[in-house]
N, C-alpha and C. Protein backbone atom coordinates (compact mmCIF):
# COMPACT_ATOMS: atom_id res chain seq x y z
N UNK A 1 0.77 -1.12 0.00
CA UNK A 1 -0.27 0.07 -0.09
C UNK A 1 0.74 1.21 -0.09
N UNK A 2 0.56 2.22 -0.88
CA UNK A 2 1.26 3.53 -0.91
C UNK A 2 0.80 4.47 0.05
N UNK A 3 1.46 5.50 0.59
CA UNK A 3 0.93 6.64 1.26
C UNK A 3 1.20 7.89 0.09
N UNK A 4 0.27 8.62 -0.12
CA UNK A 4 0.49 9.63 -0.83
C UNK A 4 0.20 11.13 0.11
N UNK A 5 1.36 11.86 -0.15
CA UNK A 5 1.37 13.37 0.47
C UNK A 5 1.13 14.39 -0.37
N UNK A 6 0.24 14.91 -0.74
CA UNK A 6 -0.14 16.01 -1.74
C UNK A 6 0.49 17.26 -1.14
N UNK A 7 1.18 18.05 -1.89
CA UNK A 7 1.30 19.55 -1.65
C UNK A 7 0.79 20.30 -2.91
N UNK A 8 -0.07 21.28 -2.39
CA UNK A 8 -0.91 22.02 -3.72
C UNK A 8 -0.36 23.46 -3.56
N UNK A 9 0.20 23.93 -4.69
CA UNK A 9 0.64 25.12 -4.89
C UNK A 9 -0.47 26.26 -4.97
N UNK A 10 -0.18 27.56 -4.35
CA UNK A 10 -1.04 28.55 -4.52
C UNK A 10 -0.42 29.68 -5.45
N UNK A 11 0.39 30.62 -5.03
CA UNK A 11 0.96 31.56 -6.07
C UNK A 11 2.33 31.03 -6.56
N UNK A 12 3.16 30.56 -5.40
CA UNK A 12 4.58 30.26 -5.80
C UNK A 12 4.55 28.63 -5.96
N UNK A 13 5.29 28.36 -7.04
CA UNK A 13 5.27 26.77 -7.48
C UNK A 13 6.74 26.53 -7.75
N UNK A 14 7.30 25.67 -7.25
CA UNK A 14 8.72 25.26 -7.93
C UNK A 14 8.77 24.47 -9.28
N UNK A 15 10.09 24.61 -9.42
CA UNK A 15 10.41 23.95 -10.93
C UNK A 15 10.70 22.47 -10.41
N UNK A 16 10.86 21.62 -11.46
CA UNK A 16 11.27 20.20 -11.03
C UNK A 16 12.77 20.25 -10.62
N UNK A 17 13.60 21.32 -11.34
CA UNK A 17 14.80 21.42 -11.04
C UNK A 17 15.01 21.94 -9.55
N UNK A 18 14.32 22.75 -9.03
CA UNK A 18 14.26 23.37 -7.84
C UNK A 18 14.03 22.16 -6.76
N UNK A 19 13.00 21.56 -7.06
CA UNK A 19 12.51 20.55 -6.18
C UNK A 19 13.85 19.35 -6.00
N UNK A 20 14.45 19.10 -7.11
CA UNK A 20 15.60 18.09 -7.08
C UNK A 20 16.46 18.94 -6.21
N UNK A 21 16.92 20.08 -6.55
CA UNK A 21 18.05 20.67 -5.57
C UNK A 21 17.81 20.66 -4.22
N UNK A 22 16.56 20.98 -3.94
CA UNK A 22 15.98 20.97 -2.44
C UNK A 22 16.14 19.73 -1.81
N UNK A 23 15.61 18.54 -2.72
CA UNK A 23 15.59 17.33 -2.05
C UNK A 23 16.88 16.75 -1.93
N UNK A 24 17.79 17.08 -2.77
CA UNK A 24 19.23 16.84 -2.60
C UNK A 24 19.93 17.38 -1.41
N UNK A 25 19.63 18.47 -1.00
CA UNK A 25 20.09 19.42 0.22
C UNK A 25 19.44 18.86 1.22
N UNK A 26 18.01 18.47 1.29
CA UNK A 26 17.35 17.98 2.18
C UNK A 26 17.95 16.79 2.80
N UNK A 27 18.07 15.86 2.02
CA UNK A 27 18.90 14.68 2.13
C UNK A 27 20.36 14.75 2.81
N UNK A 28 20.96 15.64 2.41
CA UNK A 28 22.27 16.09 2.88
C UNK A 28 23.16 15.10 2.63
N UNK A 29 23.27 14.54 1.53
CA UNK A 29 24.42 13.23 1.27
C UNK A 29 23.93 12.21 1.63
N UNK A 30 22.84 11.76 2.58
CA UNK A 30 22.75 10.41 2.94
C UNK A 30 21.70 9.68 1.92
N UNK A 31 21.49 10.20 0.74
CA UNK A 31 20.82 9.63 0.13
C UNK A 31 21.17 9.78 -1.52
N UNK A 32 20.35 9.30 -2.56
CA UNK A 32 20.64 9.92 -3.92
C UNK A 32 19.27 10.29 -4.57
N UNK A 33 19.26 11.16 -5.20
CA UNK A 33 18.11 11.71 -6.05
C UNK A 33 18.28 11.44 -7.67
N UNK A 34 17.49 10.84 -8.32
CA UNK A 34 17.33 10.59 -9.59
C UNK A 34 16.38 11.28 -10.21
N UNK A 35 16.40 12.13 -11.35
CA UNK A 35 15.43 12.71 -12.21
C UNK A 35 14.79 11.66 -13.18
N UNK A 36 13.69 11.73 -13.22
CA UNK A 36 12.91 10.85 -14.28
C UNK A 36 12.20 12.15 -15.01
N UNK A 37 11.35 11.38 -15.99
CA UNK A 37 10.52 12.30 -16.87
C UNK A 37 9.64 13.40 -16.15
N UNK A 38 8.84 12.76 -15.19
CA UNK A 38 8.01 13.87 -14.48
C UNK A 38 7.80 13.53 -13.13
N UNK A 39 9.18 12.77 -12.65
CA UNK A 39 9.09 12.60 -11.17
C UNK A 39 10.57 12.45 -10.60
N UNK A 40 10.88 12.17 -9.44
CA UNK A 40 12.09 12.17 -8.61
C UNK A 40 12.00 10.88 -7.73
N UNK A 41 13.03 10.42 -7.84
CA UNK A 41 13.33 9.03 -7.03
C UNK A 41 14.45 9.37 -6.02
N UNK A 42 13.95 9.32 -4.75
CA UNK A 42 14.74 9.42 -3.62
C UNK A 42 15.08 7.97 -3.09
N UNK A 43 16.49 7.70 -3.10
CA UNK A 43 17.03 6.40 -2.67
C UNK A 43 17.93 6.77 -1.41
N UNK A 44 17.34 5.96 -0.34
CA UNK A 44 18.03 6.05 0.84
C UNK A 44 18.88 4.86 1.31
N UNK A 45 19.94 4.94 2.05
CA UNK A 45 20.83 3.86 2.47
C UNK A 45 20.09 2.94 3.35
N UNK A 46 20.63 1.72 3.71
CA UNK A 46 20.20 0.83 4.53
C UNK A 46 19.20 -0.11 4.17
N UNK A 47 18.69 -0.94 5.03
CA UNK A 47 17.62 -2.01 4.85
C UNK A 47 16.44 -1.32 5.77
N UNK A 48 15.27 -1.64 5.15
CA UNK A 48 14.13 -1.36 5.89
C UNK A 48 14.17 -1.94 7.41
N UNK A 49 13.57 -1.20 8.36
CA UNK A 49 13.57 -1.66 9.78
C UNK A 49 12.14 -1.57 10.25
N UNK A 50 11.88 -2.38 11.39
CA UNK A 50 10.72 -2.63 12.04
C UNK A 50 11.25 -2.19 13.56
N UNK A 51 10.64 -0.85 14.16
CA UNK A 51 11.09 -0.56 15.41
C UNK A 51 10.68 -1.48 16.51
N UNK A 52 9.59 -2.25 16.35
CA UNK A 52 9.05 -3.04 17.44
C UNK A 52 9.65 -4.67 17.20
N UNK A 53 10.58 -4.84 16.47
CA UNK A 53 10.86 -6.33 16.13
C UNK A 53 11.41 -6.96 17.44
N UNK A 54 12.07 -6.41 18.42
CA UNK A 54 12.57 -6.99 19.58
C UNK A 54 11.76 -6.84 20.79
N UNK A 55 10.44 -6.51 20.61
CA UNK A 55 9.60 -6.40 21.53
C UNK A 55 8.73 -7.67 21.43
N UNK A 56 8.60 -8.34 22.80
CA UNK A 56 7.98 -9.66 22.67
C UNK A 56 6.43 -9.36 22.41
N UNK A 57 6.04 -10.34 21.42
CA UNK A 57 4.63 -10.29 20.99
C UNK A 57 4.39 -9.58 19.56
N UNK A 58 5.63 -8.92 19.19
CA UNK A 58 5.51 -8.10 17.95
C UNK A 58 6.21 -8.71 16.88
N UNK A 59 7.18 -9.61 17.26
CA UNK A 59 8.31 -10.25 16.43
C UNK A 59 7.58 -10.80 15.00
N UNK A 60 6.49 -11.41 15.22
CA UNK A 60 5.82 -12.03 14.10
C UNK A 60 5.02 -10.93 13.09
N UNK A 61 5.04 -9.84 13.65
CA UNK A 61 4.33 -8.62 12.63
C UNK A 61 5.27 -7.99 12.12
N UNK A 62 6.66 -8.31 11.87
CA UNK A 62 7.75 -7.43 11.32
C UNK A 62 7.40 -7.76 9.63
N UNK A 63 7.16 -6.75 8.99
CA UNK A 63 6.71 -6.74 7.62
C UNK A 63 8.02 -7.05 6.69
N UNK A 64 8.94 -6.74 7.27
CA UNK A 64 10.23 -6.97 6.44
C UNK A 64 11.17 -8.25 6.95
N UNK A 65 10.76 -9.06 7.58
CA UNK A 65 11.40 -10.33 8.14
C UNK A 65 11.90 -11.19 7.17
N UNK A 66 11.16 -11.52 6.15
CA UNK A 66 11.54 -12.42 5.29
C UNK A 66 12.26 -11.90 4.14
N UNK A 67 12.68 -10.74 4.10
CA UNK A 67 13.29 -10.10 2.60
C UNK A 67 14.15 -8.82 2.91
N UNK A 68 14.92 -8.69 2.14
CA UNK A 68 15.52 -7.28 2.18
C UNK A 68 14.70 -6.39 1.36
N UNK A 69 14.30 -5.14 2.05
CA UNK A 69 13.60 -4.30 1.20
C UNK A 69 14.42 -2.83 1.10
N UNK A 70 14.72 -2.27 -0.06
CA UNK A 70 15.38 -1.25 0.19
C UNK A 70 14.41 0.17 0.53
N UNK A 71 15.08 1.21 0.74
CA UNK A 71 14.48 2.50 1.09
C UNK A 71 14.44 3.57 -0.02
N UNK A 72 13.24 3.89 -0.37
CA UNK A 72 12.93 4.93 -1.37
C UNK A 72 11.70 5.73 -1.23
N UNK A 73 11.42 6.84 -1.85
CA UNK A 73 10.31 7.61 -1.92
C UNK A 73 10.36 8.22 -3.42
N UNK A 74 9.15 8.58 -3.69
CA UNK A 74 8.99 9.18 -5.10
C UNK A 74 8.27 10.63 -4.99
N UNK A 75 8.76 11.57 -5.95
CA UNK A 75 7.98 12.75 -5.93
C UNK A 75 7.52 13.17 -7.12
N UNK A 76 6.21 12.86 -7.39
CA UNK A 76 5.60 13.27 -8.71
C UNK A 76 5.36 14.87 -8.90
N UNK A 77 5.69 15.24 -9.94
CA UNK A 77 5.41 16.76 -10.01
C UNK A 77 4.67 17.04 -11.28
N UNK A 78 3.54 17.94 -10.89
CA UNK A 78 2.75 18.60 -12.18
C UNK A 78 2.42 20.13 -11.72
N UNK A 79 1.71 20.85 -12.57
CA UNK A 79 1.80 21.92 -12.60
C UNK A 79 1.34 22.78 -11.40
N UNK A 80 0.35 22.04 -10.79
CA UNK A 80 -0.36 22.37 -9.45
C UNK A 80 -0.09 21.74 -8.32
N UNK A 81 0.80 20.73 -8.26
CA UNK A 81 0.94 19.89 -7.00
C UNK A 81 2.25 19.03 -7.25
N UNK A 82 2.69 18.48 -6.10
CA UNK A 82 3.43 17.46 -6.11
C UNK A 82 2.99 16.30 -5.12
N UNK A 83 3.22 14.86 -5.36
CA UNK A 83 2.86 13.96 -4.64
C UNK A 83 4.05 13.32 -4.20
N UNK A 84 4.23 13.21 -2.87
CA UNK A 84 5.34 12.39 -2.17
C UNK A 84 4.89 11.27 -1.58
N UNK A 85 5.34 10.04 -2.43
CA UNK A 85 4.56 8.61 -2.30
C UNK A 85 5.67 7.83 -1.72
N UNK A 86 5.29 7.07 -0.76
CA UNK A 86 6.00 5.99 -0.33
C UNK A 86 5.35 4.55 -0.32
N UNK A 87 5.87 3.74 -0.89
CA UNK A 87 5.17 2.45 -1.12
C UNK A 87 5.52 1.23 -0.30
N UNK A 88 4.84 1.00 0.66
CA UNK A 88 5.16 -0.07 1.64
C UNK A 88 6.74 0.02 2.31
N UNK A 89 6.76 1.38 2.83
CA UNK A 89 8.22 1.64 3.40
C UNK A 89 7.94 1.70 5.00
N UNK A 90 9.29 1.69 5.43
CA UNK A 90 9.42 1.70 6.87
C UNK A 90 9.15 2.92 7.35
N UNK A 91 9.11 2.89 8.84
CA UNK A 91 8.83 4.36 9.59
C UNK A 91 9.92 5.15 9.29
N UNK A 92 11.26 4.78 9.23
CA UNK A 92 12.13 6.11 8.86
C UNK A 92 11.95 6.52 7.53
N UNK A 93 11.88 5.77 6.55
CA UNK A 93 11.54 6.32 5.12
C UNK A 93 10.26 7.28 5.12
N UNK A 94 9.16 6.68 5.63
CA UNK A 94 7.88 7.37 5.65
C UNK A 94 8.20 8.89 6.23
N UNK A 95 8.83 8.84 7.44
CA UNK A 95 9.03 10.15 8.07
C UNK A 95 10.10 11.09 7.24
N UNK A 96 11.16 10.52 6.58
CA UNK A 96 11.76 11.48 5.66
C UNK A 96 10.90 11.89 4.75
N UNK A 97 10.01 11.00 3.82
CA UNK A 97 9.35 11.59 2.84
C UNK A 97 8.06 12.73 3.44
N UNK A 98 7.73 12.46 4.83
CA UNK A 98 6.76 13.33 5.13
C UNK A 98 7.55 14.72 5.47
N UNK A 99 8.47 14.53 5.86
CA UNK A 99 9.53 15.91 6.36
C UNK A 99 9.60 16.62 4.96
N UNK A 100 9.86 16.03 4.03
CA UNK A 100 10.24 16.51 2.62
C UNK A 100 8.96 17.22 2.14
N UNK A 101 7.70 16.40 2.34
CA UNK A 101 6.43 17.31 1.73
C UNK A 101 6.26 18.52 2.72
N UNK A 102 6.48 18.51 3.99
CA UNK A 102 6.07 19.63 4.94
C UNK A 102 7.18 20.82 4.66
N UNK A 103 8.26 20.46 4.44
CA UNK A 103 9.30 21.42 4.01
C UNK A 103 8.83 22.06 2.61
N UNK A 104 8.60 21.54 1.76
CA UNK A 104 8.16 22.13 0.38
C UNK A 104 6.89 22.92 0.49
N UNK A 105 6.07 22.46 1.20
CA UNK A 105 4.83 23.25 1.53
C UNK A 105 5.14 24.55 2.34
N UNK A 106 5.95 24.56 3.31
CA UNK A 106 6.40 25.70 4.22
C UNK A 106 7.19 26.62 3.15
N UNK A 107 8.01 26.08 2.36
CA UNK A 107 9.09 27.20 1.94
C UNK A 107 8.24 27.78 0.67
N UNK A 108 7.35 26.87 -0.20
CA UNK A 108 6.85 27.70 -1.24
C UNK A 108 5.41 27.98 -1.04
N UNK A 109 5.05 28.03 0.39
CA UNK A 109 3.69 28.37 0.58
C UNK A 109 2.49 27.67 0.19
N UNK A 110 2.68 26.20 0.14
CA UNK A 110 1.72 25.48 -0.34
C UNK A 110 0.82 25.03 0.74
N UNK A 111 -0.10 24.04 0.21
CA UNK A 111 -1.13 23.53 1.16
C UNK A 111 -0.56 21.96 1.31
N UNK A 112 -0.36 21.45 2.40
CA UNK A 112 0.21 19.91 2.59
C UNK A 112 -0.89 19.34 3.04
N UNK A 113 -1.43 18.14 2.34
CA UNK A 113 -2.35 17.13 2.73
C UNK A 113 -1.69 15.61 3.27
N UNK A 114 -1.67 15.49 4.51
CA UNK A 114 -1.06 14.08 4.75
C UNK A 114 -2.19 13.16 4.74
N UNK A 115 -1.86 11.87 4.19
CA UNK A 115 -2.65 10.96 4.28
C UNK A 115 -3.41 10.40 5.56
N UNK A 116 -4.52 9.84 5.45
CA UNK A 116 -5.32 9.55 6.88
C UNK A 116 -4.82 8.06 7.24
């Protein structure tokens, strides 16, 4: 399941190049940003984690226990908004993506809609 975090622009709206630059600087060298046709791919280091995996009773709920899963999120860009998407990502990756959506909304005066 993916989570979409939309940011809708009012007056100011960033270009795709500006979003890429800000995302690279936001990650501060801990990740990589690749530019696609109409979206950005932010890849983060490490394996997905489950913070409750060592808590008795939660071990079997670890969604990443049987396989390695990389960390990444996507930023889709159009003329009126961006969509910052995580697809079945761990808590760390989801919070990094959420932080980027909030940062973009705050800096460019957009409206941020967090998923329910």
